[in-house]
């Protein structure tokens, strides 16, 4: 089959999705920004523009997308992230079209603007199939945007469990390493994380914190770490290669995310697959994966005291860390295996193409 994917080429999720299907099918990726790498079998179409602003550039880009799709003649169009890319797919008037909702495109952006909410409703109505990365997002799409339940499917991104798996830790480790690789966007609330860590560190000086990623709040968080007097216990790392993530997780003892809003964070699933005990905010799709006190710990958003309490609870209980990590791995094996989920998507693609193109497609 010939697939046209409209998405952010810089996203590792887009790259993984495109690479999977490129091994089996003819894949064309239409993106605003280049991937920054070459993926065998993926033909990349970059819509560079000198026009400022999302809205100003949208329609000139859309005209180019229309021309590209006519030239590519795909069997199916799949847009990832409703805002921008899902809008393009909807205005194409192409069938079959799949749109994936990632999180902010349902939970955060539409409530900010009547226009965005209307455009989101229009895009979801035009799609033949909608994927939601969490059940929470699926329920919101049905309830808030009036999309029929049978058209919306829960499909998380999943994790390659052959790459992310538990590895034996060095014995007699002097420090307990907490790790977060969510980046420094406002939604991830890294200030709450470092403030909670500061409280925990005062009681347990064996703790250290590693923060990986980039974002507009990185320098502000770094300044806060200095003010709190914990700079010697906190490390900041750049994004680096995605291939480095398994090594990062192996070096850690506990994974933590303090996001104020979320879908199903792949970074959390990767940590669970690697056998790490996880501390995560009880928002969005996270409680679908973390059973509080069963395979991890849930925390209240924006509450440094709760963060500190849960950090100390795990740091001081090696057996609990081990038990949570084992159960977290099992959860991902059962519900978040990448290969299984992608097989589901491939079968959905085939069924839609058959529905619209017939057996000859």
Protein backbone atom coordinates (compact mmCIF):
# COMPACT_ATOMS: atom_id res chain seq x y z
CA UNK A 1 0.00 0.00 0.00
CA UNK A 2 1.06 3.60 -0.58
CA UNK A 3 0.74 5.71 2.57
CA UNK A 4 0.84 9.47 3.00
CA UNK A 5 1.68 10.55 6.55
CA UNK A 6 1.21 14.21 7.51
CA UNK A 7 3.04 14.92 10.75
CA UNK A 8 5.93 16.64 12.51
CA UNK A 9 9.02 14.97 11.06
CA UNK A 10 11.11 16.04 14.05
CA UNK A 11 9.06 13.90 16.42
CA UNK A 12 10.51 10.52 17.33
CA UNK A 13 6.94 9.18 17.29
CA UNK A 14 6.53 10.22 13.65
CA UNK A 15 9.89 8.72 12.75
CA UNK A 16 9.18 5.40 14.45
CA UNK A 17 5.74 5.14 12.84
CA UNK A 18 7.07 5.99 9.38
CA UNK A 19 10.01 3.61 9.68
CA UNK A 20 7.78 0.71 10.69
CA UNK A 21 5.57 1.00 7.62
CA UNK A 22 8.48 1.82 5.30
CA UNK A 23 9.72 -1.71 5.86
CA UNK A 24 6.52 -3.03 4.30
CA UNK A 25 4.97 -0.30 2.16
CA UNK A 26 5.58 2.86 0.12
CA UNK A 27 5.65 5.71 2.66
CA UNK A 28 5.53 9.45 1.95
CA UNK A 29 5.95 11.87 4.88
CA UNK A 30 4.71 15.45 4.53
CA UNK A 31 6.16 17.66 7.27
CA UNK A 32 6.73 21.31 8.13
CA UNK A 33 10.26 20.61 9.38
CA UNK A 34 12.76 17.98 8.18
CA UNK A 35 13.34 14.80 10.15
CA UNK A 36 17.04 15.55 10.39
CA UNK A 37 17.84 11.96 9.46
CA UNK A 38 17.29 9.57 6.59
CA UNK A 39 14.90 6.63 7.02
CA UNK A 40 15.16 3.98 4.29
CA UNK A 41 11.92 3.70 2.36
CA UNK A 42 10.49 7.04 3.54
CA UNK A 43 10.12 9.80 0.95
CA UNK A 44 10.16 13.10 2.81
CA UNK A 45 8.36 16.22 1.56
CA UNK A 46 9.32 19.32 3.59
CA UNK A 47 7.00 22.34 3.43
CA UNK A 48 9.51 25.07 4.23
CA UNK A 49 8.12 28.61 4.28
CA UNK A 50 9.31 32.12 5.04
CA UNK A 51 5.82 33.21 6.10
CA UNK A 52 5.59 34.04 9.83
CA UNK A 53 3.09 32.36 12.12
CA UNK A 54 1.05 29.18 11.98
CA UNK A 55 -2.14 30.74 10.59
CA UNK A 56 -0.43 32.87 7.94
CA UNK A 57 1.47 29.88 6.55
CA UNK A 58 -1.33 27.32 6.85
CA UNK A 59 -3.15 27.88 3.57
CA UNK A 60 -0.07 28.26 1.33
CA UNK A 61 1.21 25.03 2.85
CA UNK A 62 -2.17 23.39 2.35
CA UNK A 63 -2.16 24.22 -1.37
CA UNK A 64 1.20 22.47 -1.64
CA UNK A 65 -0.12 19.48 0.30
CA UNK A 66 -3.06 19.19 -2.09
CA UNK A 67 -0.68 19.11 -5.05
CA UNK A 68 1.57 16.57 -3.35
CA UNK A 69 -1.30 14.24 -2.52
CA UNK A 70 -2.56 14.40 -6.11
CA UNK A 71 0.96 13.50 -7.26
CA UNK A 72 1.56 10.75 -4.66
CA UNK A 73 -1.87 9.16 -5.16
CA UNK A 74 -1.84 7.40 -1.79
CA UNK A 75 -4.12 4.58 -0.75
CA UNK A 76 -4.53 6.20 2.68
CA UNK A 77 -3.72 9.49 4.43
CA UNK A 78 -2.78 9.48 8.13
CA UNK A 79 -2.31 12.73 10.05
CA UNK A 80 -0.63 12.70 13.45
CA UNK A 81 -1.73 15.45 15.88
CA UNK A 82 -5.05 17.10 15.11
CA UNK A 83 -3.91 20.72 15.33
CA UNK A 84 -2.21 21.68 12.04
CA UNK A 85 -1.70 18.23 10.54
CA UNK A 86 -5.17 16.86 11.20
CA UNK A 87 -6.63 20.09 9.83
CA UNK A 88 -4.71 19.59 6.59
CA UNK A 89 -5.96 16.01 6.29
CA UNK A 90 -9.56 17.09 6.88
CA UNK A 91 -9.47 19.86 4.28
CA UNK A 92 -8.09 17.46 1.67
CA UNK A 93 -11.45 15.71 1.52
CA UNK A 94 -9.59 12.44 0.94
CA UNK A 95 -10.80 8.98 1.93
CA UNK A 96 -9.72 6.96 3.72
CA UNK A 97 -8.19 9.33 6.24
CA UNK A 98 -6.91 8.45 9.72
CA UNK A 99 -6.18 11.09 12.37
CA UNK A 100 -4.22 10.40 15.56
CA UNK A 101 -4.86 12.46 18.70
CA UNK A 102 -1.74 12.71 20.84
CA UNK A 103 -2.89 14.69 23.88
CA UNK A 104 -2.58 18.48 23.83
CA UNK A 105 -4.50 18.58 20.55
CA UNK A 106 -7.57 17.44 22.52
CA UNK A 107 -6.88 18.35 26.15
CA UNK A 108 -5.10 21.73 25.95
CA UNK A 109 -5.39 23.55 22.62
CA UNK A 110 -9.12 23.42 21.68
CA UNK A 111 -10.32 25.04 24.95
CA UNK A 112 -8.04 28.01 24.27
CA UNK A 113 -9.92 29.17 21.17
CA UNK A 114 -13.40 28.83 19.71
CA UNK A 115 -11.82 28.65 16.25
CA UNK A 116 -9.49 25.82 17.28
CA UNK A 117 -12.35 23.91 18.86
CA UNK A 118 -14.45 24.27 15.71
CA UNK A 119 -11.56 23.20 13.48
CA UNK A 120 -10.85 20.22 15.74
CA UNK A 121 -14.48 19.15 15.63
CA UNK A 122 -14.46 19.47 11.82
CA UNK A 123 -11.25 17.42 11.46
CA UNK A 124 -12.52 14.64 13.71
CA UNK A 125 -15.83 14.53 11.84
CA UNK A 126 -14.06 14.20 8.48
CA UNK A 127 -11.76 11.36 9.58
CA UNK A 128 -12.72 7.79 8.75
CA UNK A 129 -10.85 6.51 11.81
CA UNK A 130 -9.50 8.34 14.84
CA UNK A 131 -6.73 6.95 17.04
CA UNK A 132 -6.39 8.18 20.63
CA UNK A 133 -3.22 7.45 22.59
CA UNK A 134 -5.18 6.99 25.83
CA UNK A 135 -8.67 5.92 26.84
CA UNK A 136 -9.08 9.26 28.58
CA UNK A 137 -8.49 11.11 25.30
CA UNK A 138 -10.78 8.69 23.48
CA UNK A 139 -13.57 9.44 25.96
CA UNK A 140 -12.99 13.19 25.63
CA UNK A 141 -13.17 13.00 21.83
CA UNK A 142 -16.50 11.21 22.02
CA UNK A 143 -17.97 13.42 24.76
CA UNK A 144 -16.61 16.84 23.80
CA UNK A 145 -16.61 16.61 20.01
CA UNK A 146 -19.54 14.31 19.31
CA UNK A 147 -17.56 11.69 17.42
CA UNK A 148 -19.28 8.28 17.26
CA UNK A 149 -17.68 5.78 19.64
CA UNK A 150 -17.20 3.19 16.91
CA UNK A 151 -15.00 5.61 14.95
CA UNK A 152 -12.54 6.29 17.79
CA UNK A 153 -10.00 3.64 18.74
CA UNK A 154 -7.58 3.56 21.67
CA UNK A 155 -4.10 2.93 20.27
CA UNK A 156 -1.08 3.99 22.34
CA UNK A 157 2.29 4.34 20.63
CA UNK A 158 3.76 1.43 22.53
CA UNK A 159 7.33 0.40 23.24
CA UNK A 160 9.76 -1.93 21.54
CA UNK A 161 10.25 -4.34 24.43
CA UNK A 162 13.24 -5.92 22.69
CA UNK A 163 15.11 -2.61 23.09
CA UNK A 164 13.69 -1.47 26.42
CA UNK A 165 14.10 -4.23 28.97
CA UNK A 166 15.32 -4.63 32.57
CA UNK A 167 19.07 -4.83 33.09
CA UNK A 168 20.95 -5.78 36.21
CA UNK A 169 22.05 -2.79 38.29
CA UNK A 170 25.49 -2.51 39.79
CA UNK A 171 25.52 -3.62 43.42
CA UNK A 172 26.26 -1.29 46.34
CA UNK A 173 25.32 1.85 44.39
CA UNK A 174 26.07 4.89 46.50
CA UNK A 175 23.37 7.07 45.00
CA UNK A 176 19.69 6.65 44.14
CA UNK A 177 19.22 8.22 40.71
CA UNK A 178 15.87 9.77 39.73
CA UNK A 179 15.45 10.37 36.00
CA UNK A 180 13.10 12.43 33.84
CA UNK A 181 13.39 12.97 30.09
CA UNK A 182 10.17 14.88 29.44
CA UNK A 183 11.89 18.13 28.45
CA UNK A 184 11.22 21.65 29.71
CA UNK A 185 7.85 22.70 28.35
CA UNK A 186 5.40 24.39 30.77
CA UNK A 187 3.05 21.39 30.70
CA UNK A 188 5.74 19.17 32.24
CA UNK A 189 6.04 21.43 35.31
CA UNK A 190 9.71 20.77 36.00
CA UNK A 191 9.70 23.45 38.69
CA UNK A 192 7.46 21.26 40.86
CA UNK A 193 9.80 18.34 40.21
CA UNK A 194 12.97 20.15 41.36
CA UNK A 195 11.19 21.73 44.34
CA UNK A 196 9.98 18.29 45.41
CA UNK A 197 13.44 16.87 44.90
CA UNK A 198 14.94 19.61 47.09
CA UNK A 199 12.61 18.63 49.94
CA UNK A 200 13.46 14.95 49.56
CA UNK A 201 17.20 15.60 49.23
CA UNK A 202 17.30 17.39 52.58
CA UNK A 203 16.13 14.17 54.21
CA UNK A 204 17.98 11.73 51.92
CA UNK A 205 21.31 13.11 50.62
CA UNK A 206 21.96 9.89 48.68
CA UNK A 207 19.47 11.09 46.05
CA UNK A 208 20.48 12.57 42.71
CA UNK A 209 18.34 13.86 39.86
CA UNK A 210 19.01 13.70 36.11
CA UNK A 211 16.90 15.90 33.83
CA UNK A 212 17.21 15.29 30.10
CA UNK A 213 15.84 17.40 27.28
CA UNK A 214 15.38 20.93 26.04
CA UNK A 215 12.64 23.54 26.13
CA UNK A 216 11.81 27.16 26.88
CA UNK A 217 11.83 26.70 30.66
CA UNK A 218 15.19 24.96 30.94
CA UNK A 219 17.16 28.00 32.08
CA UNK A 220 14.45 29.00 34.56
CA UNK A 221 14.54 25.50 36.05
CA UNK A 222 18.33 25.62 36.17
CA UNK A 223 18.12 28.94 38.04
CA UNK A 224 15.60 27.45 40.46
CA UNK A 225 17.95 24.55 41.14
CA UNK A 226 20.70 27.05 42.00
CA UNK A 227 18.39 29.00 44.29
CA UNK A 228 17.35 25.81 46.09
CA UNK A 229 21.00 24.95 46.71
CA UNK A 230 20.83 21.53 45.05
CA UNK A 231 22.92 22.16 41.90
CA UNK A 232 25.51 19.60 43.03
CA UNK A 233 22.81 16.90 43.06
CA UNK A 234 21.05 17.75 39.77
CA UNK A 235 22.40 17.04 36.27
CA UNK A 236 21.07 18.54 33.04
CA UNK A 237 21.53 16.58 29.82
CA UNK A 238 20.69 17.53 26.20
CA UNK A 239 18.33 15.36 24.17
CA UNK A 240 21.05 13.40 22.38
CA UNK A 241 20.19 10.35 20.29
CA UNK A 242 17.00 8.38 20.86
CA UNK A 243 19.22 5.29 20.79
CA UNK A 244 20.77 6.50 24.07
CA UNK A 245 17.51 6.29 26.04
CA UNK A 246 17.84 2.60 27.07
CA UNK A 247 21.27 3.40 28.51
CA UNK A 248 19.87 6.42 30.37
CA UNK A 249 17.17 4.26 31.93
CA UNK A 250 19.67 1.57 32.89
CA UNK A 251 21.66 4.20 34.80
CA UNK A 252 18.56 5.28 36.75
CA UNK A 253 16.75 3.79 39.74
CA UNK A 254 13.43 5.67 39.54
CA UNK A 255 11.59 7.43 36.71
CA UNK A 256 9.45 10.49 37.43
CA UNK A 257 7.09 12.74 35.47
CA UNK A 258 5.27 15.74 36.94
CA UNK A 259 3.19 16.68 33.88
CA UNK A 260 0.04 18.72 34.51
CA UNK A 261 -1.65 17.23 31.44
CA UNK A 262 -0.83 14.14 29.41
CA UNK A 263 -1.97 11.46 27.03
CA UNK A 264 0.02 8.24 27.25
CA UNK A 265 3.65 9.38 27.60
CA UNK A 266 5.94 7.04 25.69
CA UNK A 267 8.80 8.00 28.00
CA UNK A 268 6.81 6.54 30.90
CA UNK A 269 6.11 3.30 29.01
CA UNK A 270 9.79 3.01 28.07
CA UNK A 271 10.78 3.36 31.72
CA UNK A 272 8.20 0.74 32.72
CA UNK A 273 9.46 -1.63 30.01
CA UNK A 274 12.98 -1.12 31.34
CA UNK A 275 11.79 -2.32 34.74
CA UNK A 276 11.99 1.02 36.53
CA UNK A 277 9.59 1.93 39.33
CA UNK A 278 7.77 5.10 38.27
CA UNK A 279 6.33 8.16 39.98
CA UNK A 280 3.80 9.98 37.82
CA UNK A 281 1.03 12.54 38.08
CA UNK A 282 -2.51 11.17 38.08
CA UNK A 283 -3.51 12.98 34.88
CA UNK A 284 -4.76 11.98 31.44
CA UNK A 285 -3.95 8.43 30.43
CA UNK A 286 -1.29 7.84 33.08
CA UNK A 287 -3.60 6.05 35.59
CA UNK A 288 -4.37 3.57 32.80
CA UNK A 289 -0.78 2.37 33.16
CA UNK A 290 0.24 3.14 36.74
CA UNK A 291 -1.75 1.45 39.49
CA UNK A 292 -0.99 3.50 42.59
CA UNK A 293 0.85 1.28 45.06
CA UNK A 294 0.71 -1.66 42.66
CA UNK A 295 3.26 -1.03 39.91
CA UNK A 296 4.20 2.57 40.70
CA UNK A 297 3.13 5.67 42.60
CA UNK A 298 0.76 8.45 41.53
CA UNK A 299 1.20 12.04 42.66
CA UNK A 300 -0.95 15.16 42.70
CA UNK A 301 -0.05 17.71 39.98
CA UNK A 302 1.74 20.81 41.22
CA UNK A 303 2.43 19.44 44.70
CA UNK A 304 6.16 19.41 45.63
CA UNK A 305 5.39 17.88 49.03
CA UNK A 306 3.72 14.88 47.43
CA UNK A 307 6.63 14.55 45.01
CA UNK A 308 9.10 14.49 47.92
CA UNK A 309 7.04 11.98 49.90
CA UNK A 310 6.88 9.51 47.00
CA UNK A 311 10.56 9.97 46.15
CA UNK A 312 11.51 9.10 49.72
CA UNK A 313 9.09 6.17 49.84
CA UNK A 314 10.81 4.50 46.89
CA UNK A 315 14.35 5.62 47.68
CA UNK A 316 14.19 3.97 51.11
CA UNK A 317 12.60 0.69 49.99
CA UNK A 318 14.67 -1.36 47.55
CA UNK A 319 12.24 -4.29 47.62
CA UNK A 320 9.34 -2.05 46.69
CA UNK A 321 11.37 -0.56 43.83
CA UNK A 322 12.11 -4.04 42.53
CA UNK A 323 8.49 -5.24 42.83
CA UNK A 324 7.09 -2.12 41.14
CA UNK A 325 9.62 -2.43 38.32
CA UNK A 326 8.74 -6.06 37.63
CA UNK A 327 5.01 -5.33 37.58
CA UNK A 328 5.52 -2.28 35.38
CA UNK A 329 7.37 -4.40 32.84
CA UNK A 330 4.56 -6.96 32.82
CA UNK A 331 1.97 -4.22 32.23
CA UNK A 332 3.80 -2.96 29.15
CA UNK A 333 4.30 -6.47 27.80
CA UNK A 334 0.56 -7.09 28.11
CA UNK A 335 -0.80 -3.78 26.81
CA UNK A 336 1.94 -1.66 25.25
CA UNK A 337 4.05 -3.86 22.99
CA UNK A 338 5.02 -1.86 19.90
CA UNK A 339 4.90 -4.71 17.40
CA UNK A 340 1.44 -5.83 18.51
CA UNK A 341 0.01 -2.31 18.35
CA UNK A 342 1.53 -1.59 14.95
CA UNK A 343 0.09 -4.82 13.58
CA UNK A 344 -3.29 -3.52 14.72
CA UNK A 345 -2.73 -0.26 12.83
CA UNK A 346 -1.65 -2.12 9.70
CA UNK A 347 -4.78 -4.27 9.79
CA UNK A 348 -6.91 -1.15 10.24
CA UNK A 349 -5.22 0.46 7.24
CA UNK A 350 -5.89 -2.60 5.09
CA UNK A 351 -9.55 -2.75 6.13
CA UNK A 352 -10.10 0.95 5.35
CA UNK A 353 -8.39 0.71 1.98
CA UNK A 354 -10.45 -2.33 1.09
CA UNK A 355 -13.60 -0.48 2.14
CA UNK A 356 -12.86 2.53 -0.08
CA UNK A 357 -10.81 1.03 -2.91
CA UNK A 358 -12.06 -2.53 -3.12
CA UNK A 359 -10.03 -5.72 -3.39
CA UNK A 360 -7.87 -4.32 -6.19
CA UNK A 361 -6.23 -1.73 -3.89
